[in-house]
PDB file of N, CA and C in Angstrom:
ATOM      1  N   ARG A   1     -33.431 -54.012  83.483  1.00  0.00           N
ATOM      2  CA  ARG A   1     -32.378 -53.563  82.497  1.00  0.00           C
ATOM      3  C   ARG A   1     -33.001 -52.193  82.417  1.00  0.00           C
ATOM      4  N   HIS A   2     -32.278 -51.154  82.095  1.00  0.00           N
ATOM      5  CA  HIS A   2     -32.306 -49.660  81.845  1.00  0.00           C
ATOM      6  C   HIS A   2     -32.153 -49.561  80.073  1.00  0.00           C
ATOM      7  N   VAL A   3     -33.273 -48.985  79.861  1.00  0.00           N
ATOM      8  CA  VAL A   3     -33.068 -49.056  78.173  1.00  0.00           C
ATOM      9  C   VAL A   3     -32.612 -47.222  78.018  1.00  0.00           C
ATOM     10  N   VAL A   4     -31.778 -46.907  77.200  1.00  0.00           N
ATOM     11  CA  VAL A   4     -31.263 -45.670  76.737  1.00  0.00           C
ATOM     12  C   VAL A   4     -31.250 -45.596  75.037  1.00  0.00           C
ATOM     13  N   ASP A   5     -30.828 -44.355  74.776  1.00  0.00           N
ATOM     14  CA  ASP A   5     -30.655 -44.062  73.607  1.00  0.00           C
ATOM     15  C   ASP A   5     -29.180 -44.420  73.165  1.00  0.00           C
ATOM     16  N   PHE A   6     -28.999 -44.816  71.665  1.00  0.00           N
ATOM     17  CA  PHE A   6     -27.836 -45.372  71.671  1.00  0.00           C
ATOM     18  C   PHE A   6     -27.664 -45.249  69.851  1.00  0.00           C
ATOM     19  N   TYR A   7     -26.142 -45.233  69.419  1.00  0.00           N
ATOM     20  CA  TYR A   7     -25.995 -45.193  68.141  1.00  0.00           C
ATOM     21  C   TYR A   7     -25.424 -46.720  67.415  1.00  0.00           C
ATOM     22  N   ILE A   8     -25.752 -46.995  66.446  1.00  0.00           N
ATOM     23  CA  ILE A   8     -25.368 -47.984  65.806  1.00  0.00           C
ATOM     24  C   ILE A   8     -24.431 -47.610  64.505  1.00  0.00           C
ATOM     25  N   SER A   9     -23.234 -48.191  64.449  1.00  0.00           N
ATOM     26  CA  SER A   9     -22.562 -47.942  63.453  1.00  0.00           C
ATOM     27  C   SER A   9     -22.263 -48.789  62.718  1.00  0.00           C
ATOM     28  N   ASP A  10     -22.163 -48.568  61.186  1.00  0.00           N
ATOM     29  CA  ASP A  10     -21.701 -49.594  60.641  1.00  0.00           C
ATOM     30  C   ASP A  10     -20.460 -49.040  59.542  1.00  0.00           C
ATOM     31  N   PHE A  11     -19.264 -49.989  60.341  1.00  0.00           N
ATOM     32  CA  PHE A  11     -17.899 -50.117  59.699  1.00  0.00           C
ATOM     33  C   PHE A  11     -17.398 -49.971  58.278  1.00  0.00           C
ATOM     34  N   GLN A  12     -18.369 -50.635  57.584  1.00  0.00           N
ATOM     35  CA  GLN A  12     -18.106 -50.533  56.286  1.00  0.00           C
ATOM     36  C   GLN A  12     -18.417 -49.187  55.335  1.00  0.00           C
ATOM     37  N   SER A  13     -19.547 -49.095  55.608  1.00  0.00           N
ATOM     38  CA  SER A  13     -20.076 -47.728  54.619  1.00  0.00           C
ATOM     39  C   SER A  13     -19.648 -46.355  55.818  1.00  0.00           C
ATOM     40  N   GLY A  14     -19.698 -46.327  57.191  1.00  0.00           N
ATOM     41  CA  GLY A  14     -19.675 -45.051  57.994  1.00  0.00           C
ATOM     42  C   GLY A  14     -20.650 -44.689  58.407  1.00  0.00           C
ATOM     43  N   LEU A  15     -21.881 -45.161  58.088  1.00  0.00           N
ATOM     44  CA  LEU A  15     -22.980 -44.771  58.396  1.00  0.00           C
ATOM     45  C   LEU A  15     -23.340 -44.698  59.985  1.00  0.00           C
ATOM     46  N   ARG A  16     -24.077 -43.821  60.622  1.00  0.00           N
ATOM     47  CA  ARG A  16     -24.468 -44.097  61.847  1.00  0.00           C
ATOM     48  C   ARG A  16     -25.552 -43.615  62.342  1.00  0.00           C
ATOM     49  N   ALA A  17     -26.657 -44.473  63.008  1.00  0.00           N
ATOM     50  CA  ALA A  17     -28.178 -44.391  63.324  1.00  0.00           C
ATOM     51  C   ALA A  17     -27.855 -44.080  64.935  1.00  0.00           C
ATOM     52  N   LEU A  18     -28.809 -43.139  64.961  1.00  0.00           N
ATOM     53  CA  LEU A  18     -29.235 -42.887  66.380  1.00  0.00           C
ATOM     54  C   LEU A  18     -30.698 -43.850  66.440  1.00  0.00           C
ATOM     55  N   VAL A  19     -30.561 -45.036  67.821  1.00  0.00           N
ATOM     56  CA  VAL A  19     -31.719 -45.525  68.091  1.00  0.00           C
ATOM     57  C   VAL A  19     -32.250 -44.752  69.449  1.00  0.00           C
ATOM     58  N   LYS A  20     -33.543 -44.413  69.312  1.00  0.00           N
ATOM     59  CA  LYS A  20     -33.929 -44.095  70.621  1.00  0.00           C
ATOM     60  C   LYS A  20     -35.114 -44.864  71.173  1.00  0.00           C
ATOM     61  N   THR A  21     -34.970 -45.192  72.521  1.00  0.00           N
ATOM     62  CA  THR A  21     -35.869 -46.416  72.988  1.00  0.00           C
ATOM     63  C   THR A  21     -36.444 -45.462  74.274  1.00  0.00           C
ATOM     64  N   GLY A  22     -37.292 -45.952  74.829  1.00  0.00           N
ATOM     65  CA  GLY A  22     -37.943 -45.499  76.003  1.00  0.00           C
ATOM     66  C   GLY A  22     -38.686 -46.315  76.836  1.00  0.00           C
ATOM     67  N   TYR A  23     -39.029 -46.258  77.741  1.00  0.00           N
ATOM     68  CA  TYR A  23     -39.669 -46.850  79.059  1.00  0.00           C
ATOM     69  C   TYR A  23     -40.791 -47.928  78.371  1.00  0.00           C
ATOM     70  N   GLY A  24     -40.379 -49.235  78.294  1.00  0.00           N
ATOM     71  CA  GLY A  24     -41.512 -49.963  78.042  1.00  0.00           C
ATOM     72  C   GLY A  24     -40.713 -50.661  76.794  1.00  0.00           C
ATOM     73  N   ALA A  25     -39.907 -49.961  76.127  1.00  0.00           N
ATOM     74  CA  ALA A  25     -39.536 -50.497  74.641  1.00  0.00           C
ATOM     75  C   ALA A  25     -38.549 -51.899  75.027  1.00  0.00           C
ATOM     76  N   ARG A  26     -38.711 -52.499  74.062  1.00  0.00           N
ATOM     77  CA  ARG A  26     -38.238 -54.033  73.973  1.00  0.00           C
ATOM     78  C   ARG A  26     -37.037 -53.667  72.998  1.00  0.00           C
ATOM     79  N   VAL A  27     -35.969 -54.337  73.288  1.00  0.00           N
ATOM     80  CA  VAL A  27     -34.526 -54.173  72.510  1.00  0.00           C
ATOM     81  C   VAL A  27     -34.105 -55.589  72.617  1.00  0.00           C
ATOM     82  N   THR A  28     -33.417 -55.875  71.398  1.00  0.00           N
ATOM     83  CA  THR A  28     -32.943 -57.355  71.212  1.00  0.00           C
ATOM     84  C   THR A  28     -31.373 -56.893  71.060  1.00  0.00           C
ATOM     85  N   PRO A  29     -30.776 -57.641  72.147  1.00  0.00           N
ATOM     86  CA  PRO A  29     -29.734 -57.408  72.144  1.00  0.00           C
ATOM     87  C   PRO A  29     -28.865 -58.550  70.834  1.00  0.00           C
ATOM     88  N   TYR A  30     -27.895 -58.020  69.815  1.00  0.00           N
ATOM     89  CA  TYR A  30     -27.039 -58.651  69.014  1.00  0.00           C
ATOM     90  C   TYR A  30     -25.663 -58.986  69.521  1.00  0.00           C
ATOM     91  N   VAL A  31     -25.363 -58.194  70.608  1.00  0.00           N
ATOM     92  CA  VAL A  31     -23.777 -58.364  70.891  1.00  0.00           C
ATOM     93  C   VAL A  31     -23.724 -58.468  72.567  1.00  0.00           C
ATOM     94  N   ASP A  32     -23.062 -59.715  72.930  1.00  0.00           N
ATOM     95  CA  ASP A  32     -23.133 -60.127  74.283  1.00  0.00           C
ATOM     96  C   ASP A  32     -22.707 -58.731  75.266  1.00  0.00           C
ATOM     97  N   GLU A  33     -23.297 -58.558  76.216  1.00  0.00           N
ATOM     98  CA  GLU A  33     -22.696 -57.563  77.457  1.00  0.00           C
ATOM     99  C   GLU A  33     -21.500 -57.865  77.816  1.00  0.00           C
ATOM    100  N   SER A  34     -20.770 -56.834  78.003  1.00  0.00           N
ATOM    101  CA  SER A  34     -19.315 -56.830  78.102  1.00  0.00           C
ATOM    102  C   SER A  34     -19.470 -56.974  79.920  1.00  0.00           C
ATOM    103  N   VAL A  35     -18.028 -57.875  80.195  1.00  0.00           N
ATOM    104  CA  VAL A  35     -18.129 -58.009  81.803  1.00  0.00           C
ATOM    105  C   VAL A  35     -16.748 -57.309  82.224  1.00  0.00           C
ATOM    106  N   VAL A  36     -17.071 -56.551  83.536  1.00  0.00           N
ATOM    107  CA  VAL A  36     -15.921 -56.001  84.035  1.00  0.00           C
ATOM    108  C   VAL A  36     -15.507 -56.245  85.404  1.00  0.00           C
ATOM    109  N   VAL A  37     -14.402 -56.689  85.533  1.00  0.00           N
ATOM    110  CA  VAL A  37     -13.990 -57.216  86.809  1.00  0.00           C
ATOM    111  C   VAL A  37     -12.967 -56.231  87.366  1.00  0.00           C
ATOM    112  N   ASP A  38     -13.121 -56.001  88.717  1.00  0.00           N
ATOM    113  CA  ASP A  38     -12.038 -54.990  89.439  1.00  0.00           C
ATOM    114  C   ASP A  38     -11.548 -56.001  90.142  1.00  0.00           C
ATOM    115  N   ILE A  39      -9.864 -55.948  90.172  1.00  0.00           N
ATOM    116  CA  ILE A  39      -9.393 -56.673  91.001  1.00  0.00           C
ATOM    117  C   ILE A  39      -8.184 -55.508  92.046  1.00  0.00           C
ATOM    118  N   ASN A  40      -8.598 -55.817  93.072  1.00  0.00           N
ATOM    119  CA  ASN A  40      -7.719 -54.770  94.410  1.00  0.00           C
ATOM    120  C   ASN A  40      -7.237 -55.859  95.416  1.00  0.00           C
ATOM    121  N   GLN A  41      -6.899 -55.224  96.366  1.00  0.00           N
ATOM    122  CA  GLN A  41      -6.485 -55.977  97.454  1.00  0.00           C
ATOM    123  C   GLN A  41      -7.308 -56.587  98.016  1.00  0.00           C
ATOM    124  N   LYS A  42      -8.621 -56.501  98.167  1.00  0.00           N
ATOM    125  CA  LYS A  42     -10.069 -57.053  99.036  1.00  0.00           C
ATOM    126  C   LYS A  42     -10.105 -58.045  97.880  1.00  0.00           C
ATOM    127  N   ASN A  43     -10.106 -58.050  97.081  1.00  0.00           N
ATOM    128  CA  ASN A  43     -10.546 -59.004  95.919  1.00  0.00           C
ATOM    129  C   ASN A  43      -9.432 -59.307  95.196  1.00  0.00           C
ATOM    130  N   ARG A  44      -8.796 -60.659  95.545  1.00  0.00           N
ATOM    131  CA  ARG A  44      -7.278 -61.061  95.024  1.00  0.00           C
ATOM    132  C   ARG A  44      -7.692 -62.118  94.493  1.00  0.00           C
ATOM    133  N   GLU A  45      -8.755 -62.967  94.271  1.00  0.00           N
ATOM    134  CA  GLU A  45      -9.202 -64.413  93.830  1.00  0.00           C
ATOM    135  C   GLU A  45      -8.867 -64.123  92.104  1.00  0.00           C
ATOM    136  N   LEU A  46      -7.815 -64.613  91.703  1.00  0.00           N
ATOM    137  CA  LEU A  46      -7.589 -64.477  90.405  1.00  0.00           C
ATOM    138  C   LEU A  46      -7.434 -65.979  89.837  1.00  0.00           C
ATOM    139  N   SER A  47      -8.191 -66.197  88.662  1.00  0.00           N
ATOM    140  CA  SER A  47      -8.582 -67.355  87.739  1.00  0.00           C
ATOM    141  C   SER A  47      -7.097 -68.157  87.714  1.00  0.00           C
ATOM    142  N   PRO A  48      -6.688 -69.232  87.421  1.00  0.00           N
ATOM    143  CA  PRO A  48      -5.696 -69.481  87.160  1.00  0.00           C
ATOM    144  C   PRO A  48      -5.138 -69.526  85.410  1.00  0.00           C
ATOM    145  N   GLU A  49      -6.189 -69.314  84.718  1.00  0.00           N
ATOM    146  CA  GLU A  49      -6.118 -69.034  83.459  1.00  0.00           C
ATOM    147  C   GLU A  49      -5.636 -67.687  83.334  1.00  0.00           C
ATOM    148  N   PHE A  50      -6.406 -66.792  84.059  1.00  0.00           N
ATOM    149  CA  PHE A  50      -5.567 -65.414  84.171  1.00  0.00           C
ATOM    150  C   PHE A  50      -4.186 -65.086  84.573  1.00  0.00           C
ATOM    151  N   VAL A  51      -3.840 -65.860  85.662  1.00  0.00           N
ATOM    152  CA  VAL A  51      -2.727 -65.600  85.877  1.00  0.00           C
ATOM    153  C   VAL A  51      -1.360 -66.388  85.086  1.00  0.00           C
ATOM    154  N   ARG A  52      -1.579 -67.372  84.469  1.00  0.00           N
ATOM    155  CA  ARG A  52      -1.071 -68.044  83.287  1.00  0.00           C
ATOM    156  C   ARG A  52      -0.818 -66.628  82.055  1.00  0.00           C
ATOM    157  N   TRP A  53      -2.147 -65.993  81.875  1.00  0.00           N
ATOM    158  CA  TRP A  53      -2.166 -65.260  80.585  1.00  0.00           C
ATOM    159  C   TRP A  53      -1.385 -63.875  80.835  1.00  0.00           C
ATOM    160  N   LEU A  54      -1.117 -63.465  82.483  1.00  0.00           N
ATOM    161  CA  LEU A  54      -0.309 -62.248  83.142  1.00  0.00           C
ATOM    162  C   LEU A  54       1.321 -62.908  82.789  1.00  0.00           C
ATOM    163  N   GLY A  55       1.485 -64.305  83.078  1.00  0.00           N
ATOM    164  CA  GLY A  55       2.558 -64.712  82.874  1.00  0.00           C
ATOM    165  C   GLY A  55       3.425 -64.826  81.557  1.00  0.00           C
ATOM    166  N   GLU A  56       2.538 -65.133  80.631  1.00  0.00           N
ATOM    167  CA  GLU A  56       2.932 -65.320  79.400  1.00  0.00           C
ATOM    168  C   GLU A  56       3.389 -64.133  78.548  1.00  0.00           C
ATOM    169  N   ARG A  57       2.893 -62.830  79.346  1.00  0.00           N
ATOM    170  CA  ARG A  57       2.985 -61.525  78.963  1.00  0.00           C
ATOM    171  C   ARG A  57       4.037 -60.746  79.563  1.00  0.00           C
ATOM    172  N   ASN A  58       4.497 -61.426  80.678  1.00  0.00           N
ATOM    173  CA  ASN A  58       5.364 -61.038  81.659  1.00  0.00           C
ATOM    174  C   ASN A  58       4.942 -59.742  82.312  1.00  0.00           C
ATOM    175  N   LEU A  59       3.843 -60.187  82.795  1.00  0.00           N
ATOM    176  CA  LEU A  59       3.235 -59.183  83.579  1.00  0.00           C
ATOM    177  C   LEU A  59       3.113 -59.557  85.133  1.00  0.00           C
ATOM    178  N   SER A  60       3.056 -58.643  85.935  1.00  0.00           N
ATOM    179  CA  SER A  60       2.881 -58.917  87.444  1.00  0.00           C
ATOM    180  C   SER A  60       1.371 -58.833  87.891  1.00  0.00           C
ATOM    181  N   SER A  61       0.987 -59.817  88.610  1.00  0.00           N
ATOM    182  CA  SER A  61      -0.385 -59.469  89.410  1.00  0.00           C
ATOM    183  C   SER A  61      -0.235 -59.204  90.968  1.00  0.00           C
ATOM    184  N   ASP A  62       0.783 -58.740  91.469  1.00  0.00           N
ATOM    185  CA  ASP A  62       1.088 -58.437  92.806  1.00  0.00           C
ATOM    186  C   ASP A  62       0.992 -56.841  92.808  1.00  0.00           C
ATOM    187  N   ASP A  63       0.416 -56.410  94.157  1.00  0.00           N
ATOM    188  CA  ASP A  63       0.295 -54.770  94.656  1.00  0.00           C
ATOM    189  C   ASP A  63      -0.039 -54.035  93.239  1.00  0.00           C
ATOM    190  N   ARG A  64      -1.241 -54.483  92.484  1.00  0.00           N
ATOM    191  CA  ARG A  64      -1.504 -53.438  91.535  1.00  0.00           C
ATOM    192  C   ARG A  64      -2.811 -53.956  91.617  1.00  0.00           C
ATOM    193  N   ILE A  65      -3.783 -52.404  91.115  1.00  0.00           N
ATOM    194  CA  ILE A  65      -5.059 -52.272  90.844  1.00  0.00           C
ATOM    195  C   ILE A  65      -5.179 -52.695  89.061  1.00  0.00           C
ATOM    196  N   MET A  66      -6.137 -53.629  88.988  1.00  0.00           N
ATOM    197  CA  MET A  66      -6.505 -54.132  87.785  1.00  0.00           C
ATOM    198  C   MET A  66      -7.915 -53.848  87.327  1.00  0.00           C
ATOM    199  N   ARG A  67      -8.044 -53.539  86.407  1.00  0.00           N
ATOM    200  CA  ARG A  67      -9.738 -53.649  85.596  1.00  0.00           C
ATOM    201  C   ARG A  67      -9.664 -54.274  84.207  1.00  0.00           C
ATOM    202  N   MET A  68     -10.231 -55.409  84.184  1.00  0.00           N
ATOM    203  CA  MET A  68     -10.477 -55.939  83.040  1.00  0.00           C
ATOM    204  C   MET A  68     -11.853 -55.969  82.428  1.00  0.00           C
ATOM    205  N   LYS A  69     -11.675 -55.726  81.348  1.00  0.00           N
ATOM    206  CA  LYS A  69     -13.003 -55.482  80.328  1.00  0.00           C
ATOM    207  C   LYS A  69     -12.976 -56.537  79.422  1.00  0.00           C
ATOM    208  N   GLU A  70     -14.131 -57.199  79.414  1.00  0.00           N
ATOM    209  CA  GLU A  70     -14.490 -58.177  78.060  1.00  0.00           C
ATOM    210  C   GLU A  70     -14.975 -57.439  77.042  1.00  0.00           C
ATOM    211  N   GLY A  71     -14.400 -57.640  76.032  1.00  0.00           N
ATOM    212  CA  GLY A  71     -15.008 -57.236  74.641  1.00  0.00           C
ATOM    213  C   GLY A  71     -14.160 -56.496  73.487  1.00  0.00           C
TER     214      GLY A  71
END
């Protein structure tokens, strides 16, 4: 894992804090990592749940490049 500088924001107060980390620093994540899935012509394996979700929203999955990001 790479460790970098990042901000923590408190939405209620509007305060923002910069957290500076460096090589060898230990960071405890409180938010799960996001998953990004790219779907294109080479990668056409769609889960049945996702196909159903697209259908419920009247969205098509044919001949389109899609990028799904969890979070």
